[in-house]
């Protein structure tokens, strides 16, 4: 138990004793087997000044030790983490959340009114089983577009880094690589982010981080409508491996009738085609830069027209827009047939003098890039009773040449034999 707990020692019945802290995933760290130290009534809450149970832990390797700063009652009243005081649902400062939801905080600031207000909130939390938000946040209707755009869906462990070494800044640190603090240049003291106050962050006033995020929210990019009115397909990127077509259908069916959903697991993307252009426009407007499914923020873009896809494919690009690289060893693209080839000249049909006159052979010129076959009478016979001859061994092939079964002129039908019955 702490020896000095301020002037709030007379009301011990309101001191808080808890078994587990209320933390966000970033402050908790990525190690699932984390160890914590627990000190009963170790500190006073920095908001309500009541003694509470303090937890202390290290969130990871080369990270600084962290501890709880406010009591659980103050944390539940604002639905924030006990350490970083960021919203548990969106990972944003309280000022950004309250501004987006149009919540006006009327929490008292004086000691007597603050204690009375805290006791009433504790009674309301107990009646709600501690699972639902209380106060003005509990009366809020739903989330706003700005919250969905700015919400952080993944942990940001960079926030747990050690502080900057003050001895290194003065050039007096002698620990070297063993120093547990960062050896980096400190931020400019005139920078607004360098002046942060925990009470201003909790009450949602004069928070420099919140002001920065609010400015970013006003300058968020928007999705332009394609000029081609026939485009009714949306591109959804960043799916991962746990999002299925049923998850996408459950979200997008509310905007209009869906004609088809195509999943491309290799690129972790999907193409959703709507039956009408109006449904596609509504889905793009409601989902761009704020689509979160199964905890993942997805990318929403308009699909390309069929004319653009055909142009890209003819110019050597795939349907996904990536350039196709030539495969070494394969012949170049076949040239279009000429007029003489369409006429099928008579010299294509030759009679082999070494065989019966009843055997007629069809000899077609090989595709470009393949060696010419030997003339009749030289080399293996044109018609083999056991099928076409096998390809030459790998040691006898010219260097740099890759053999595929489809390149075998005998398998491609370049030479065919027609035997007439007597």
Protein backbone atom coordinates (compact mmCIF):
# COMPACT_ATOMS: atom_id res chain seq x y z
CA UNK A 1 0.00 0.00 0.00
CA UNK A 2 1.24 3.46 -0.84
CA UNK A 3 2.36 5.60 2.07
CA UNK A 4 1.11 8.94 0.75
CA UNK A 5 -2.27 9.10 -0.96
CA UNK A 6 -3.08 12.76 -0.65
CA UNK A 7 -6.05 14.20 1.20
CA UNK A 8 -8.55 11.57 0.04
CA UNK A 9 -7.85 9.07 2.85
CA UNK A 10 -11.08 9.62 4.77
CA UNK A 11 -13.34 7.94 2.19
CA UNK A 12 -11.76 4.50 1.99
CA UNK A 13 -15.00 2.80 1.01
CA UNK A 14 -14.76 4.39 -2.41
CA UNK A 15 -11.22 3.25 -3.08
CA UNK A 16 -11.01 1.00 -6.07
CA UNK A 17 -9.72 -2.58 -5.94
CA UNK A 18 -9.63 -4.46 -9.26
CA UNK A 19 -8.15 -7.69 -10.55
CA UNK A 20 -7.64 -6.85 -14.24
CA UNK A 21 -6.94 -3.54 -16.02
CA UNK A 22 -8.89 -2.02 -18.92
CA UNK A 23 -6.37 -1.64 -21.74
CA UNK A 24 -6.28 -1.25 -25.50
CA UNK A 25 -4.39 -3.74 -27.64
CA UNK A 26 -1.58 -1.28 -28.34
CA UNK A 27 -0.78 -0.68 -24.68
CA UNK A 28 -1.13 -4.36 -23.85
CA UNK A 29 1.50 -5.35 -26.42
CA UNK A 30 1.82 -8.24 -28.83
CA UNK A 31 3.01 -10.82 -26.29
CA UNK A 32 0.03 -12.98 -25.17
CA UNK A 33 1.96 -14.24 -22.11
CA UNK A 34 2.64 -10.85 -20.58
CA UNK A 35 3.45 -10.47 -16.88
CA UNK A 36 2.13 -7.65 -14.72
CA UNK A 37 2.79 -6.37 -11.25
CA UNK A 38 -0.22 -5.40 -9.19
CA UNK A 39 -0.10 -2.80 -6.42
CA UNK A 40 -3.27 -2.37 -4.42
CA UNK A 41 -4.13 1.31 -3.87
CA UNK A 42 -0.76 2.19 -5.36
CA UNK A 43 -1.60 5.60 -6.86
CA UNK A 44 -4.29 8.22 -7.02
CA UNK A 45 -6.34 8.54 -10.16
CA UNK A 46 -5.17 11.56 -12.14
CA UNK A 47 -8.80 12.53 -12.84
CA UNK A 48 -10.87 11.84 -9.71
CA UNK A 49 -7.93 11.63 -7.23
CA UNK A 50 -9.19 8.37 -5.69
CA UNK A 51 -6.69 5.61 -4.84
CA UNK A 52 -6.92 2.63 -7.18
CA UNK A 53 -5.05 -0.57 -8.02
CA UNK A 54 -2.05 0.11 -10.27
CA UNK A 55 -0.82 -2.41 -12.86
CA UNK A 56 2.67 -2.20 -14.37
CA UNK A 57 4.10 -4.25 -17.27
CA UNK A 58 6.46 -4.19 -20.24
CA UNK A 59 4.56 -4.54 -23.57
CA UNK A 60 7.50 -6.02 -25.51
CA UNK A 61 11.21 -6.15 -26.24
CA UNK A 62 12.91 -2.75 -26.43
CA UNK A 63 9.73 -1.11 -25.12
CA UNK A 64 9.26 1.07 -22.07
CA UNK A 65 7.37 -0.05 -18.98
CA UNK A 66 3.79 1.17 -18.82
CA UNK A 67 1.26 1.50 -16.01
CA UNK A 68 -2.35 2.45 -15.53
CA UNK A 69 -2.93 6.17 -15.03
CA UNK A 70 -6.66 6.48 -14.23
CA UNK A 71 -9.11 4.33 -12.28
CA UNK A 72 -11.56 1.98 -13.93
CA UNK A 73 -14.55 4.15 -13.10
CA UNK A 74 -13.12 7.09 -15.05
CA UNK A 75 -12.16 4.67 -17.81
CA UNK A 76 -15.70 3.29 -18.10
CA UNK A 77 -17.29 6.73 -18.03
CA UNK A 78 -15.39 7.71 -21.18
CA UNK A 79 -14.85 4.19 -22.61
CA UNK A 80 -11.09 4.74 -22.83
CA UNK A 81 -7.92 2.85 -22.03
CA UNK A 82 -6.57 3.27 -18.50
CA UNK A 83 -3.09 4.06 -19.82
CA UNK A 84 -3.25 6.00 -23.10
CA UNK A 85 -6.79 7.42 -22.62
CA UNK A 86 -7.73 6.66 -26.24
CA UNK A 87 -11.15 5.37 -27.19
CA UNK A 88 -11.33 1.58 -26.96
CA UNK A 89 -13.55 1.18 -30.02
CA UNK A 90 -11.92 3.51 -32.54
CA UNK A 91 -8.45 4.10 -31.09
CA UNK A 92 -8.92 7.88 -31.34
CA UNK A 93 -8.63 10.73 -28.82
CA UNK A 94 -11.73 11.64 -26.85
CA UNK A 95 -11.94 15.08 -28.48
CA UNK A 96 -12.13 13.56 -31.97
CA UNK A 97 -14.83 11.09 -30.91
CA UNK A 98 -16.95 13.66 -29.10
CA UNK A 99 -16.66 16.14 -31.97
CA UNK A 100 -17.70 13.55 -34.54
CA UNK A 101 -20.66 12.36 -32.43
CA UNK A 102 -21.63 15.91 -31.36
CA UNK A 103 -21.25 15.03 -27.67
CA UNK A 104 -20.98 17.94 -25.25
CA UNK A 105 -19.06 16.97 -22.12
CA UNK A 106 -20.64 18.43 -18.97
CA UNK A 107 -18.42 16.59 -16.48
CA UNK A 108 -17.78 18.73 -13.37
CA UNK A 109 -14.29 19.97 -12.57
CA UNK A 110 -14.44 20.85 -8.86
CA UNK A 111 -13.51 18.25 -6.26
CA UNK A 112 -16.86 18.00 -4.46
CA UNK A 113 -19.00 17.94 -7.59
CA UNK A 114 -16.56 15.55 -9.25
CA UNK A 115 -16.85 13.06 -6.37
CA UNK A 116 -20.64 13.25 -6.36
CA UNK A 117 -20.76 12.80 -10.12
CA UNK A 118 -18.37 9.82 -9.95
CA UNK A 119 -20.51 8.07 -7.34
CA UNK A 120 -23.62 8.45 -9.49
CA UNK A 121 -21.73 7.08 -12.50
CA UNK A 122 -20.56 4.09 -10.47
CA UNK A 123 -24.17 3.34 -9.58
CA UNK A 124 -25.18 3.56 -13.21
CA UNK A 125 -22.28 1.33 -14.28
CA UNK A 126 -23.31 -1.34 -11.77
CA UNK A 127 -26.89 -1.27 -13.06
CA UNK A 128 -25.68 -1.74 -16.66
CA UNK A 129 -23.34 -4.64 -15.71
CA UNK A 130 -20.41 -2.60 -16.99
CA UNK A 131 -20.95 -3.74 -20.58
CA UNK A 132 -22.59 -0.64 -22.07
CA UNK A 133 -21.33 2.95 -22.22
CA UNK A 134 -22.82 5.33 -19.70
CA UNK A 135 -23.35 9.07 -19.57
CA UNK A 136 -23.48 11.13 -22.75
CA UNK A 137 -21.61 8.47 -24.71
CA UNK A 138 -24.32 5.92 -23.94
CA UNK A 139 -26.94 8.28 -25.35
CA UNK A 140 -25.10 8.74 -28.64
CA UNK A 141 -26.95 7.26 -31.61
CA UNK A 142 -24.37 5.76 -33.96
CA UNK A 143 -20.92 6.30 -35.40
CA UNK A 144 -20.20 9.02 -37.92
CA UNK A 145 -18.40 8.93 -41.26
CA UNK A 146 -15.39 10.79 -39.86
CA UNK A 147 -14.93 8.20 -37.11
CA UNK A 148 -15.00 5.36 -39.61
CA UNK A 149 -12.46 7.16 -41.81
CA UNK A 150 -10.04 7.96 -39.01
CA UNK A 151 -10.50 4.79 -36.93
CA UNK A 152 -7.40 2.71 -36.28
CA UNK A 153 -8.09 -1.00 -36.84
CA UNK A 154 -4.59 -2.38 -36.10
CA UNK A 155 -2.35 -1.89 -33.05
CA UNK A 156 0.26 0.86 -33.24
CA UNK A 157 3.14 -0.56 -31.19
CA UNK A 158 5.44 2.34 -32.07
CA UNK A 159 3.67 4.25 -29.34
CA UNK A 160 5.31 1.97 -26.75
CA UNK A 161 8.89 2.92 -27.62
CA UNK A 162 11.19 4.20 -24.86
CA UNK A 163 11.60 7.89 -24.23
CA UNK A 164 14.52 9.86 -25.63
CA UNK A 165 17.70 9.71 -23.57
CA UNK A 166 18.35 13.15 -22.08
CA UNK A 167 22.02 12.32 -21.45
CA UNK A 168 22.50 11.43 -25.13
CA UNK A 169 20.98 14.77 -26.14
CA UNK A 170 23.58 16.53 -23.97
CA UNK A 171 26.31 14.22 -25.29
CA UNK A 172 26.96 12.60 -21.91
CA UNK A 173 25.42 9.09 -22.30
CA UNK A 174 28.08 6.41 -21.76
CA UNK A 175 25.86 3.31 -21.99
CA UNK A 176 25.99 3.03 -25.76
CA UNK A 177 23.82 0.21 -27.14
CA UNK A 178 22.95 -0.93 -23.62
CA UNK A 179 21.04 2.28 -22.95
CA UNK A 180 17.31 1.45 -22.57
CA UNK A 181 16.31 4.86 -23.93
CA UNK A 182 16.23 6.10 -27.51
CA UNK A 183 19.22 7.90 -28.97
CA UNK A 184 17.35 10.20 -31.31
CA UNK A 185 16.98 13.88 -31.86
CA UNK A 186 14.11 15.24 -29.76
CA UNK A 187 11.14 16.99 -31.29
CA UNK A 188 11.03 20.73 -31.60
CA UNK A 189 9.85 22.26 -28.30
CA UNK A 190 7.66 24.63 -30.32
CA UNK A 191 5.82 21.66 -31.82
CA UNK A 192 2.27 21.47 -30.38
CA UNK A 193 2.56 17.68 -30.09
CA UNK A 194 5.38 18.13 -27.55
CA UNK A 195 2.97 19.76 -25.07
CA UNK A 196 0.33 17.21 -24.01
CA UNK A 197 -1.66 17.12 -20.80
CA UNK A 198 -3.46 14.04 -19.50
CA UNK A 199 -6.41 16.01 -18.10
CA UNK A 200 -6.92 17.93 -21.35
CA UNK A 201 -6.86 14.63 -23.20
CA UNK A 202 -9.46 13.12 -20.87
CA UNK A 203 -11.83 16.09 -20.94
CA UNK A 204 -11.36 16.52 -24.68
CA UNK A 205 -10.09 20.10 -24.76
CA UNK A 206 -6.91 21.57 -26.27
CA UNK A 207 -5.59 18.16 -27.34
CA UNK A 208 -2.89 18.68 -30.03
CA UNK A 209 -3.18 15.09 -31.29
CA UNK A 210 -6.94 15.48 -31.68
CA UNK A 211 -6.53 18.77 -33.55
CA UNK A 212 -4.12 17.10 -35.96
CA UNK A 213 -6.54 14.24 -36.64
CA UNK A 214 -9.48 16.59 -37.11
CA UNK A 215 -7.55 18.55 -39.73
CA UNK A 216 -6.68 15.30 -41.47
CA UNK A 217 -10.35 14.29 -41.48
CA UNK A 218 -11.37 17.45 -43.33
CA UNK A 219 -8.82 16.80 -46.10
CA UNK A 220 -9.55 13.10 -46.67
CA UNK A 221 -9.57 12.07 -50.35
CA UNK A 222 -12.82 11.24 -52.11
CA UNK A 223 -13.71 8.72 -54.79
CA UNK A 224 -14.52 10.22 -58.20
CA UNK A 225 -17.26 8.69 -60.33
CA UNK A 226 -16.10 7.11 -63.61
CA UNK A 227 -17.29 8.75 -66.81
CA UNK A 228 -18.41 5.45 -68.29
CA UNK A 229 -21.98 4.96 -67.05
CA UNK A 230 -21.83 1.25 -67.88
CA UNK A 231 -19.38 0.57 -65.01
CA UNK A 232 -21.24 -1.03 -62.09
CA UNK A 233 -18.33 -2.95 -60.57
CA UNK A 234 -16.39 -2.08 -57.40
CA UNK A 235 -12.88 -3.28 -56.59
CA UNK A 236 -12.36 -4.37 -52.97
CA UNK A 237 -8.72 -4.80 -51.92
CA UNK A 238 -6.88 -5.95 -48.81
CA UNK A 239 -9.24 -8.82 -47.99
CA UNK A 240 -6.77 -11.14 -46.33
CA UNK A 241 -7.53 -14.81 -45.83
CA UNK A 242 -10.45 -14.67 -43.38
CA UNK A 243 -12.94 -12.62 -45.43
CA UNK A 244 -15.27 -14.63 -47.66
CA UNK A 245 -17.78 -13.73 -50.34
CA UNK A 246 -20.61 -14.12 -47.82
CA UNK A 247 -19.04 -11.41 -45.63
CA UNK A 248 -18.92 -9.06 -48.61
CA UNK A 249 -22.47 -9.91 -49.64
CA UNK A 250 -23.78 -9.31 -46.12
CA UNK A 251 -22.33 -5.80 -46.20
CA UNK A 252 -23.08 -4.72 -49.78
CA UNK A 253 -26.55 -6.18 -50.26
CA UNK A 254 -28.05 -3.18 -48.45
CA UNK A 255 -27.05 -0.82 -51.27
CA UNK A 256 -28.72 -2.69 -54.14
CA UNK A 257 -29.04 -5.94 -56.02
CA UNK A 258 -25.72 -7.71 -56.52
CA UNK A 259 -25.20 -9.44 -59.85
CA UNK A 260 -21.96 -11.28 -59.04
CA UNK A 261 -19.06 -11.39 -56.56
CA UNK A 262 -15.68 -12.61 -57.82
CA UNK A 263 -12.95 -13.40 -55.29
CA UNK A 264 -9.28 -13.44 -56.36
CA UNK A 265 -7.50 -15.15 -53.49
CA UNK A 266 -4.05 -14.76 -55.00
CA UNK A 267 -4.28 -10.95 -55.05
CA UNK A 268 -6.55 -10.87 -51.95
CA UNK A 269 -9.14 -8.76 -53.70
CA UNK A 270 -12.70 -9.06 -54.98
CA UNK A 271 -14.91 -7.57 -57.70
CA UNK A 272 -18.54 -6.82 -56.82
CA UNK A 273 -20.85 -6.13 -59.75
CA UNK A 274 -24.18 -4.44 -59.03
CA UNK A 275 -27.26 -4.74 -61.17
CA UNK A 276 -27.72 -0.95 -61.38
CA UNK A 277 -25.37 2.01 -61.50
CA UNK A 278 -27.32 3.70 -58.68
CA UNK A 279 -26.58 0.83 -56.30
CA UNK A 280 -22.87 0.87 -57.19
CA UNK A 281 -22.65 4.65 -56.59
CA UNK A 282 -24.38 4.33 -53.22
CA UNK A 283 -22.07 1.49 -52.18
CA UNK A 284 -18.98 3.45 -53.21
CA UNK A 285 -20.14 6.54 -51.31
CA UNK A 286 -20.96 4.67 -48.10
CA UNK A 287 -17.91 2.39 -48.13
CA UNK A 288 -14.99 4.43 -49.47
CA UNK A 289 -12.22 4.85 -46.89
CA UNK A 290 -14.46 3.59 -44.07
CA UNK A 291 -15.16 -0.05 -44.90
CA UNK A 292 -14.12 -2.32 -42.01
CA UNK A 293 -14.98 -6.04 -42.12
CA UNK A 294 -13.72 -8.51 -39.51
CA UNK A 295 -11.43 -5.84 -38.08
CA UNK A 296 -9.70 -5.12 -41.42
CA UNK A 297 -9.89 -1.82 -43.29
CA UNK A 298 -10.59 -2.59 -46.95
CA UNK A 299 -9.77 -0.58 -50.06
CA UNK A 300 -12.73 0.43 -52.24
CA UNK A 301 -12.24 1.59 -55.83
CA UNK A 302 -14.22 1.67 -59.04
CA UNK A 303 -13.67 -1.11 -61.56
CA UNK A 304 -12.38 -0.42 -65.05
CA UNK A 305 -14.41 -0.53 -68.22
CA UNK A 306 -14.18 -3.50 -70.58
CA UNK A 307 -12.64 -1.30 -73.29
CA UNK A 308 -9.80 -0.28 -70.98
CA UNK A 309 -9.22 -3.90 -69.99
CA UNK A 310 -9.04 -4.99 -73.62
CA UNK A 311 -6.54 -2.24 -74.45
CA UNK A 312 -4.32 -3.21 -71.55
CA UNK A 313 -4.37 -6.88 -72.49
CA UNK A 314 -3.48 -6.18 -76.12
CA UNK A 315 -0.60 -3.96 -75.04
CA UNK A 316 0.89 -6.69 -72.83
CA UNK A 317 -0.91 -6.07 -69.55
CA UNK A 318 -3.02 -8.44 -67.52
CA UNK A 319 -6.59 -7.78 -66.46
CA UNK A 320 -5.33 -6.60 -63.05
CA UNK A 321 -3.22 -3.90 -64.71
CA UNK A 322 0.19 -5.51 -64.17
CA UNK A 323 2.64 -5.79 -67.03
CA UNK A 324 3.23 -9.27 -68.41
CA UNK A 325 6.89 -10.23 -68.64
CA UNK A 326 8.00 -12.55 -71.50
CA UNK A 327 8.85 -16.12 -70.49
CA UNK A 328 12.43 -17.09 -71.45
CA UNK A 329 12.62 -19.90 -74.01
CA UNK A 330 9.13 -19.41 -75.37
CA UNK A 331 8.72 -18.30 -78.99
CA UNK A 332 7.44 -14.85 -79.73
CA UNK A 333 3.79 -14.20 -80.46
CA UNK A 334 2.52 -15.80 -83.66
CA UNK A 335 2.11 -13.43 -86.55
CA UNK A 336 -1.33 -13.18 -88.16
CA UNK A 337 -1.74 -15.51 -91.17
CA UNK A 338 -1.12 -14.05 -94.57
CA UNK A 339 -3.38 -14.22 -97.56
CA UNK A 340 -1.36 -17.08 -99.10
CA UNK A 341 -1.84 -19.18 -95.99
CA UNK A 342 -5.57 -18.69 -96.14
CA UNK A 343 -5.62 -19.92 -99.73
CA UNK A 344 -3.89 -23.23 -98.73
CA UNK A 345 -1.54 -23.56 -101.74
CA UNK A 346 -1.12 -26.93 -103.38
CA UNK A 347 2.51 -27.42 -102.35
CA UNK A 348 1.28 -28.01 -98.77
CA UNK A 349 -0.01 -31.38 -99.91
CA UNK A 350 2.96 -33.52 -101.02
CA UNK A 351 3.31 -37.14 -101.95
CA UNK A 352 6.16 -38.98 -100.33
CA UNK A 353 7.98 -40.85 -103.15
CA UNK A 354 9.43 -43.35 -100.66
CA UNK A 355 5.98 -44.48 -99.60
CA UNK A 356 2.91 -45.80 -101.27
CA UNK A 357 1.15 -43.38 -103.58
CA UNK A 358 -1.95 -43.86 -101.47
CA UNK A 359 -0.32 -41.99 -98.56
CA UNK A 360 -0.67 -38.23 -98.68
CA UNK A 361 1.05 -35.96 -96.15
CA UNK A 362 -0.03 -32.53 -95.00
CA UNK A 363 3.05 -30.41 -94.26
CA UNK A 364 2.50 -27.01 -92.66
CA UNK A 365 5.27 -24.50 -91.98
CA UNK A 366 6.34 -24.51 -88.33
CA UNK A 367 5.60 -21.50 -86.12
CA UNK A 368 8.28 -18.83 -85.89
CA UNK A 369 11.02 -19.68 -83.42
CA UNK A 370 10.90 -23.46 -83.95
CA UNK A 371 13.46 -25.39 -86.05
CA UNK A 372 12.31 -26.56 -89.48
CA UNK A 373 11.48 -30.28 -89.65
CA UNK A 374 13.64 -32.47 -91.93
CA UNK A 375 12.37 -33.03 -95.50
CA UNK A 376 10.67 -36.32 -96.36
CA UNK A 377 13.10 -39.19 -96.76
CA UNK A 378 15.54 -37.82 -94.20
CA UNK A 379 15.34 -38.49 -90.50
CA UNK A 380 12.44 -40.24 -88.80
CA UNK A 381 9.41 -41.20 -90.89
CA UNK A 382 6.47 -38.83 -91.03
CA UNK A 383 4.06 -41.50 -89.83
CA UNK A 384 5.08 -43.59 -86.86
CA UNK A 385 2.94 -46.58 -85.88
CA UNK A 386 3.70 -46.06 -82.16
CA UNK A 387 2.92 -42.33 -82.14
CA UNK A 388 5.17 -39.25 -82.51
CA UNK A 389 8.83 -39.63 -81.55
CA UNK A 390 9.86 -38.37 -78.06
CA UNK A 391 11.62 -35.01 -77.70
CA UNK A 392 15.43 -34.99 -77.70
CA UNK A 393 17.20 -35.33 -74.34
CA UNK A 394 17.96 -32.23 -72.32
CA UNK A 395 21.71 -32.53 -73.07
CA UNK A 396 21.16 -32.43 -76.84
CA UNK A 397 18.89 -29.38 -76.88
CA UNK A 398 20.36 -26.01 -77.85
CA UNK A 399 21.29 -23.78 -74.90
CA UNK A 400 18.58 -21.47 -73.65
CA UNK A 401 15.84 -23.58 -75.23
CA UNK A 402 13.00 -24.78 -73.04
CA UNK A 403 10.91 -27.65 -74.37
CA UNK A 404 7.19 -27.80 -73.73
CA UNK A 405 4.90 -30.55 -75.03
CA UNK A 406 2.86 -27.95 -76.87
CA UNK A 407 5.99 -26.97 -78.88
CA UNK A 408 6.37 -30.41 -80.40
CA UNK A 409 5.49 -29.98 -84.10
CA UNK A 410 4.19 -33.54 -84.27
CA UNK A 411 1.81 -32.90 -81.36
CA UNK A 412 0.68 -29.55 -82.74
CA UNK A 413 -0.60 -31.12 -85.96
CA UNK A 414 2.07 -29.62 -88.18
CA UNK A 415 2.45 -32.99 -89.98
CA UNK A 416 -0.50 -35.27 -90.47
CA UNK A 417 -0.80 -38.46 -92.47
CA UNK A 418 -3.93 -39.55 -94.24
CA UNK A 419 -4.08 -43.15 -95.43
CA UNK A 420 -6.59 -43.95 -98.13
CA UNK A 421 -8.15 -47.35 -98.26
CA UNK A 422 -7.38 -49.46 -101.27
